[in-house]
Amino acid sequence: MRKLPMSDYIHEGFASPQAAFSLRTGSDILGDWSATATHREREAVYAALFSMVDGSLFHAYEVMDDFQLPSELFVLVPNRLVIKIRINFLGSFSIVRIGYREEFSDLFFTRREGYG
């Protein structure tokens, strides 16, 4: 089976029929980031994005609100990664940004076990 980027899984019907959210925009951001990411980093980010689709993100990951933009969230992913997502109207979400924690100057992180 060939490996597909996250957006291809969603567009080709791999998202469950009872999906909590669907990816609306940001597949270009995911594609650009994926081009330079390691296999382990891609797997961690894809897993977090799938958990957003199936509705388990808020149980499986540490999520922080962006207090300046109430519709946006920071998702802390293993390997010191962060995904910033926007919750859109009618059950969809967008990828705003993906990067290392150090690249997010608008966040102040404390070291937590499992995310270091």
N, C-alpha and C. Protein backbone atom coordinates (compact mmCIF):
# COMPACT_ATOMS: atom_id res chain seq x y z
N MET A 1 0.84 -1.18 0.00
CA MET A 1 0.00 0.00 0.00
C MET A 1 0.88 1.24 0.00
N ARG A 2 0.60 2.16 -0.88
CA ARG A 2 1.41 3.38 -0.93
C ARG A 2 1.02 4.31 0.20
N LYS A 3 2.00 5.08 0.66
CA LYS A 3 1.74 6.03 1.75
C LYS A 3 1.25 7.33 1.15
N LEU A 4 0.22 7.87 1.75
CA LEU A 4 -0.38 9.12 1.28
C LEU A 4 -0.23 10.19 2.33
N PRO A 5 -0.13 11.45 1.91
CA PRO A 5 -0.17 12.52 2.91
C PRO A 5 -1.54 12.55 3.58
N MET A 6 -1.61 13.17 4.73
CA MET A 6 -2.86 13.23 5.52
C MET A 6 -4.04 13.69 4.67
N SER A 7 -3.85 14.74 3.88
CA SER A 7 -4.96 15.29 3.10
C SER A 7 -5.49 14.27 2.09
N ASP A 8 -4.63 13.42 1.55
CA ASP A 8 -5.09 12.41 0.61
C ASP A 8 -5.94 11.35 1.30
N TYR A 9 -5.58 10.99 2.53
CA TYR A 9 -6.40 10.03 3.27
C TYR A 9 -7.82 10.57 3.43
N ILE A 10 -7.93 11.83 3.76
CA ILE A 10 -9.25 12.41 3.99
C ILE A 10 -10.01 12.52 2.67
N HIS A 11 -9.35 13.03 1.62
CA HIS A 11 -10.04 13.22 0.34
C HIS A 11 -10.38 11.90 -0.34
N GLU A 12 -9.63 10.84 -0.06
CA GLU A 12 -9.90 9.56 -0.71
C GLU A 12 -10.82 8.68 0.12
N GLY A 13 -11.49 9.26 1.10
CA GLY A 13 -12.50 8.52 1.83
C GLY A 13 -12.00 7.71 3.01
N PHE A 14 -10.80 7.96 3.49
CA PHE A 14 -10.29 7.21 4.62
C PHE A 14 -10.83 7.73 5.95
N ALA A 15 -11.41 8.90 5.96
CA ALA A 15 -12.02 9.42 7.19
C ALA A 15 -13.31 8.64 7.45
N SER A 16 -13.58 8.39 8.70
CA SER A 16 -14.76 7.60 9.04
C SER A 16 -16.04 8.36 8.69
N PRO A 17 -17.12 7.65 8.37
CA PRO A 17 -18.37 8.32 8.01
C PRO A 17 -18.93 9.17 9.14
N GLN A 18 -18.62 8.80 10.40
CA GLN A 18 -19.10 9.58 11.53
C GLN A 18 -17.99 10.49 12.07
N ALA A 19 -17.17 10.99 11.19
CA ALA A 19 -16.05 11.85 11.58
C ALA A 19 -16.56 13.08 12.33
N ALA A 20 -15.83 13.45 13.38
CA ALA A 20 -16.19 14.62 14.17
C ALA A 20 -15.88 15.91 13.41
N PHE A 21 -14.74 15.95 12.76
CA PHE A 21 -14.31 17.12 11.99
C PHE A 21 -13.71 16.65 10.68
N SER A 22 -13.74 17.51 9.69
CA SER A 22 -13.06 17.22 8.43
C SER A 22 -12.07 18.34 8.15
N LEU A 23 -10.99 18.00 7.48
CA LEU A 23 -9.97 18.99 7.13
C LEU A 23 -10.49 19.84 5.99
N ARG A 24 -10.56 21.15 6.21
CA ARG A 24 -11.07 22.07 5.19
C ARG A 24 -9.94 22.70 4.41
N THR A 25 -8.99 23.31 5.10
CA THR A 25 -7.85 23.94 4.43
C THR A 25 -6.59 23.64 5.22
N GLY A 26 -5.47 23.83 4.57
CA GLY A 26 -4.19 23.63 5.23
C GLY A 26 -3.41 22.45 4.70
N SER A 27 -3.97 21.74 3.73
CA SER A 27 -3.22 20.61 3.17
C SER A 27 -1.93 21.08 2.51
N ASP A 28 -1.91 22.32 2.01
CA ASP A 28 -0.67 22.87 1.45
C ASP A 28 0.38 23.08 2.55
N ILE A 29 -0.06 23.53 3.72
CA ILE A 29 0.85 23.71 4.86
C ILE A 29 1.40 22.35 5.28
N LEU A 30 0.53 21.36 5.35
CA LEU A 30 0.94 20.00 5.70
C LEU A 30 1.94 19.45 4.68
N GLY A 31 1.66 19.65 3.41
CA GLY A 31 2.56 19.18 2.36
C GLY A 31 3.92 19.82 2.41
N ASP A 32 3.96 21.14 2.60
CA ASP A 32 5.24 21.85 2.69
C ASP A 32 6.04 21.38 3.90
N TRP A 33 5.37 21.24 5.03
CA TRP A 33 6.05 20.79 6.25
C TRP A 33 6.53 19.35 6.08
N SER A 34 5.72 18.49 5.51
CA SER A 34 6.06 17.07 5.35
C SER A 34 7.30 16.85 4.49
N ALA A 35 7.55 17.76 3.57
CA ALA A 35 8.69 17.61 2.66
C ALA A 35 10.02 17.57 3.40
N THR A 36 10.11 18.21 4.55
CA THR A 36 11.38 18.26 5.29
C THR A 36 11.32 17.51 6.62
N ALA A 37 10.18 16.96 6.97
CA ALA A 37 10.02 16.27 8.25
C ALA A 37 10.56 14.84 8.17
N THR A 38 10.95 14.31 9.31
CA THR A 38 11.36 12.91 9.37
C THR A 38 10.13 12.01 9.36
N HIS A 39 10.35 10.74 9.14
CA HIS A 39 9.25 9.78 9.15
C HIS A 39 8.53 9.79 10.50
N ARG A 40 9.28 9.80 11.58
CA ARG A 40 8.70 9.81 12.93
C ARG A 40 7.87 11.07 13.16
N GLU A 41 8.36 12.22 12.70
CA GLU A 41 7.61 13.48 12.86
C GLU A 41 6.31 13.44 12.07
N ARG A 42 6.39 12.95 10.83
CA ARG A 42 5.17 12.86 10.00
C ARG A 42 4.14 11.95 10.65
N GLU A 43 4.58 10.80 11.13
CA GLU A 43 3.65 9.87 11.78
C GLU A 43 2.98 10.50 12.99
N ALA A 44 3.75 11.25 13.79
CA ALA A 44 3.19 11.90 14.99
C ALA A 44 2.15 12.95 14.61
N VAL A 45 2.45 13.75 13.60
CA VAL A 45 1.52 14.80 13.17
C VAL A 45 0.28 14.18 12.53
N TYR A 46 0.46 13.18 11.67
CA TYR A 46 -0.69 12.53 11.04
C TYR A 46 -1.60 11.91 12.09
N ALA A 47 -1.01 11.28 13.10
CA ALA A 47 -1.82 10.66 14.17
C ALA A 47 -2.66 11.72 14.89
N ALA A 48 -2.06 12.87 15.17
CA ALA A 48 -2.81 13.94 15.84
C ALA A 48 -3.93 14.46 14.94
N LEU A 49 -3.65 14.62 13.66
CA LEU A 49 -4.68 15.11 12.74
C LEU A 49 -5.81 14.09 12.59
N PHE A 50 -5.48 12.82 12.52
CA PHE A 50 -6.53 11.80 12.47
C PHE A 50 -7.37 11.82 13.73
N SER A 51 -6.74 12.09 14.87
CA SER A 51 -7.52 12.14 16.12
C SER A 51 -8.47 13.34 16.12
N MET A 52 -8.13 14.39 15.39
CA MET A 52 -9.06 15.51 15.24
C MET A 52 -10.25 15.07 14.39
N VAL A 53 -9.98 14.30 13.35
CA VAL A 53 -11.04 13.82 12.47
C VAL A 53 -11.99 12.89 13.22
N ASP A 54 -11.44 11.99 14.04
CA ASP A 54 -12.31 11.02 14.71
C ASP A 54 -12.85 11.51 16.06
N GLY A 55 -12.45 12.70 16.47
CA GLY A 55 -13.00 13.29 17.68
C GLY A 55 -12.27 12.96 18.96
N SER A 56 -11.14 12.27 18.88
CA SER A 56 -10.41 11.89 20.10
C SER A 56 -9.27 12.83 20.46
N LEU A 57 -9.05 13.87 19.69
CA LEU A 57 -7.92 14.78 19.91
C LEU A 57 -7.89 15.33 21.33
N PHE A 58 -9.02 15.77 21.83
CA PHE A 58 -9.06 16.43 23.13
C PHE A 58 -8.86 15.46 24.29
N HIS A 59 -8.96 14.17 24.01
CA HIS A 59 -8.69 13.15 25.03
C HIS A 59 -7.27 12.62 24.92
N ALA A 60 -6.71 12.64 23.73
CA ALA A 60 -5.42 11.99 23.47
C ALA A 60 -4.23 12.94 23.52
N TYR A 61 -4.45 14.25 23.37
CA TYR A 61 -3.35 15.21 23.28
C TYR A 61 -3.57 16.37 24.22
N GLU A 62 -2.48 17.01 24.57
CA GLU A 62 -2.58 18.25 25.33
C GLU A 62 -2.89 19.37 24.34
N VAL A 63 -3.95 20.10 24.61
CA VAL A 63 -4.41 21.16 23.72
C VAL A 63 -4.47 22.46 24.50
N MET A 64 -3.95 23.53 23.90
CA MET A 64 -3.94 24.84 24.55
C MET A 64 -4.68 25.84 23.67
N ASP A 65 -5.50 26.67 24.29
CA ASP A 65 -6.21 27.72 23.56
C ASP A 65 -5.25 28.83 23.16
N ASP A 66 -5.52 29.45 22.03
CA ASP A 66 -4.84 30.69 21.66
C ASP A 66 -5.77 31.80 22.15
N PHE A 67 -5.40 32.45 23.22
CA PHE A 67 -6.28 33.43 23.84
C PHE A 67 -6.45 34.69 22.99
N GLN A 68 -5.58 34.89 22.00
CA GLN A 68 -5.74 36.03 21.10
C GLN A 68 -6.68 35.71 19.94
N LEU A 69 -6.77 34.44 19.58
CA LEU A 69 -7.64 34.00 18.49
C LEU A 69 -8.47 32.82 19.01
N PRO A 70 -9.65 33.07 19.55
CA PRO A 70 -10.43 32.03 20.23
C PRO A 70 -10.77 30.80 19.40
N SER A 71 -10.79 30.89 18.10
CA SER A 71 -11.13 29.72 17.29
C SER A 71 -9.90 28.87 16.97
N GLU A 72 -8.72 29.27 17.45
CA GLU A 72 -7.50 28.53 17.15
C GLU A 72 -6.93 27.85 18.40
N LEU A 73 -6.33 26.68 18.17
CA LEU A 73 -5.79 25.86 19.25
C LEU A 73 -4.37 25.42 18.91
N PHE A 74 -3.58 25.20 19.95
CA PHE A 74 -2.26 24.62 19.81
C PHE A 74 -2.35 23.17 20.28
N VAL A 75 -1.92 22.25 19.45
CA VAL A 75 -1.91 20.83 19.82
C VAL A 75 -0.46 20.42 20.03
N LEU A 76 -0.13 19.97 21.23
CA LEU A 76 1.22 19.54 21.53
C LEU A 76 1.37 18.08 21.12
N VAL A 77 2.31 17.85 20.24
CA VAL A 77 2.53 16.54 19.65
C VAL A 77 3.90 16.04 20.11
N PRO A 78 4.08 14.73 20.30
CA PRO A 78 5.41 14.23 20.66
C PRO A 78 6.48 14.70 19.67
N ASN A 79 7.73 14.58 20.05
CA ASN A 79 8.88 15.02 19.25
C ASN A 79 8.98 16.54 19.20
N ARG A 80 8.47 17.21 20.25
CA ARG A 80 8.56 18.66 20.40
C ARG A 80 7.86 19.42 19.27
N LEU A 81 6.82 18.84 18.72
CA LEU A 81 6.08 19.46 17.63
C LEU A 81 4.79 20.09 18.13
N VAL A 82 4.34 21.09 17.38
CA VAL A 82 3.07 21.76 17.67
C VAL A 82 2.31 21.90 16.36
N ILE A 83 1.03 21.64 16.42
CA ILE A 83 0.14 21.91 15.28
C ILE A 83 -0.82 22.99 15.75
N LYS A 84 -0.92 24.06 14.99
CA LYS A 84 -1.92 25.08 15.30
C LYS A 84 -3.08 24.86 14.33
N ILE A 85 -4.26 24.67 14.90
CA ILE A 85 -5.44 24.43 14.08
C ILE A 85 -6.51 25.47 14.37
N ARG A 86 -7.37 25.68 13.39
CA ARG A 86 -8.51 26.59 13.53
C ARG A 86 -9.78 25.75 13.43
N ILE A 87 -10.66 25.91 14.38
CA ILE A 87 -11.96 25.24 14.31
C ILE A 87 -12.86 26.13 13.47
N ASN A 88 -13.35 25.58 12.38
CA ASN A 88 -14.22 26.32 11.47
C ASN A 88 -15.68 26.02 11.78
N PHE A 89 -16.52 26.71 11.11
CA PHE A 89 -17.96 26.53 11.22
C PHE A 89 -18.36 25.17 10.64
N LEU A 90 -19.35 24.53 11.22
CA LEU A 90 -19.95 23.29 10.72
C LEU A 90 -19.00 22.09 10.69
N GLY A 91 -18.26 21.87 11.74
CA GLY A 91 -17.50 20.64 11.89
C GLY A 91 -16.28 20.46 11.02
N SER A 92 -15.67 21.54 10.63
CA SER A 92 -14.43 21.42 9.87
C SER A 92 -13.31 22.15 10.61
N PHE A 93 -12.08 21.81 10.24
CA PHE A 93 -10.93 22.48 10.82
C PHE A 93 -9.90 22.77 9.75
N SER A 94 -9.01 23.69 10.05
CA SER A 94 -7.93 24.06 9.14
C SER A 94 -6.60 23.96 9.86
N ILE A 95 -5.58 23.58 9.12
CA ILE A 95 -4.22 23.60 9.66
C ILE A 95 -3.69 25.01 9.44
N VAL A 96 -3.28 25.66 10.51
CA VAL A 96 -2.75 27.01 10.42
C VAL A 96 -1.23 26.97 10.32
N ARG A 97 -0.62 26.07 11.11
CA ARG A 97 0.84 26.04 11.17
C ARG A 97 1.29 24.74 11.82
N ILE A 98 2.46 24.25 11.41
CA ILE A 98 3.09 23.08 12.02
C ILE A 98 4.55 23.43 12.23
N GLY A 99 5.08 23.11 13.38
CA GLY A 99 6.50 23.38 13.62
C GLY A 99 6.94 22.88 14.97
N TYR A 100 8.19 23.19 15.29
CA TYR A 100 8.74 22.84 16.60
C TYR A 100 8.30 23.86 17.62
N ARG A 101 8.22 23.44 18.86
CA ARG A 101 7.77 24.34 19.93
C ARG A 101 8.56 25.63 19.97
N GLU A 102 9.85 25.54 19.74
CA GLU A 102 10.71 26.73 19.80
C GLU A 102 10.33 27.77 18.75
N GLU A 103 9.67 27.36 17.69
CA GLU A 103 9.29 28.26 16.61
C GLU A 103 8.00 29.02 16.90
N PHE A 104 7.31 28.65 17.96
CA PHE A 104 6.05 29.30 18.31
C PHE A 104 6.32 30.31 19.42
N SER A 105 6.68 31.52 19.05
CA SER A 105 7.03 32.54 20.03
C SER A 105 5.82 33.00 20.84
N ASP A 106 4.60 32.70 20.36
CA ASP A 106 3.40 33.11 21.07
C ASP A 106 2.98 32.12 22.15
N LEU A 107 3.81 31.11 22.38
CA LEU A 107 3.52 30.13 23.43
C LEU A 107 4.67 30.08 24.42
N PHE A 108 4.36 29.86 25.65
CA PHE A 108 5.38 29.66 26.68
C PHE A 108 5.16 28.27 27.23
N PHE A 109 6.09 27.38 26.94
CA PHE A 109 5.94 25.99 27.34
C PHE A 109 6.70 25.69 28.61
N THR A 110 6.13 24.83 29.38
CA THR A 110 6.85 24.23 30.49
C THR A 110 7.15 22.80 30.09
N ARG A 111 8.28 22.32 30.48
CA ARG A 111 8.66 20.95 30.12
C ARG A 111 7.73 19.96 30.80
N ARG A 112 7.16 19.09 30.00
CA ARG A 112 6.26 18.07 30.54
C ARG A 112 6.75 16.71 30.09
N GLU A 113 6.59 15.76 30.95
CA GLU A 113 6.99 14.40 30.62
C GLU A 113 6.19 13.91 29.42
N GLY A 114 6.86 13.27 28.49
CA GLY A 114 6.19 12.73 27.31
C GLY A 114 6.19 13.68 26.13
N TYR A 115 6.48 14.94 26.35
CA TYR A 115 6.50 15.90 25.24
C TYR A 115 7.87 16.51 25.04
N GLY A 116 8.87 16.12 25.81
CA GLY A 116 10.21 16.69 25.72
C GLY A 116 11.02 16.03 24.72
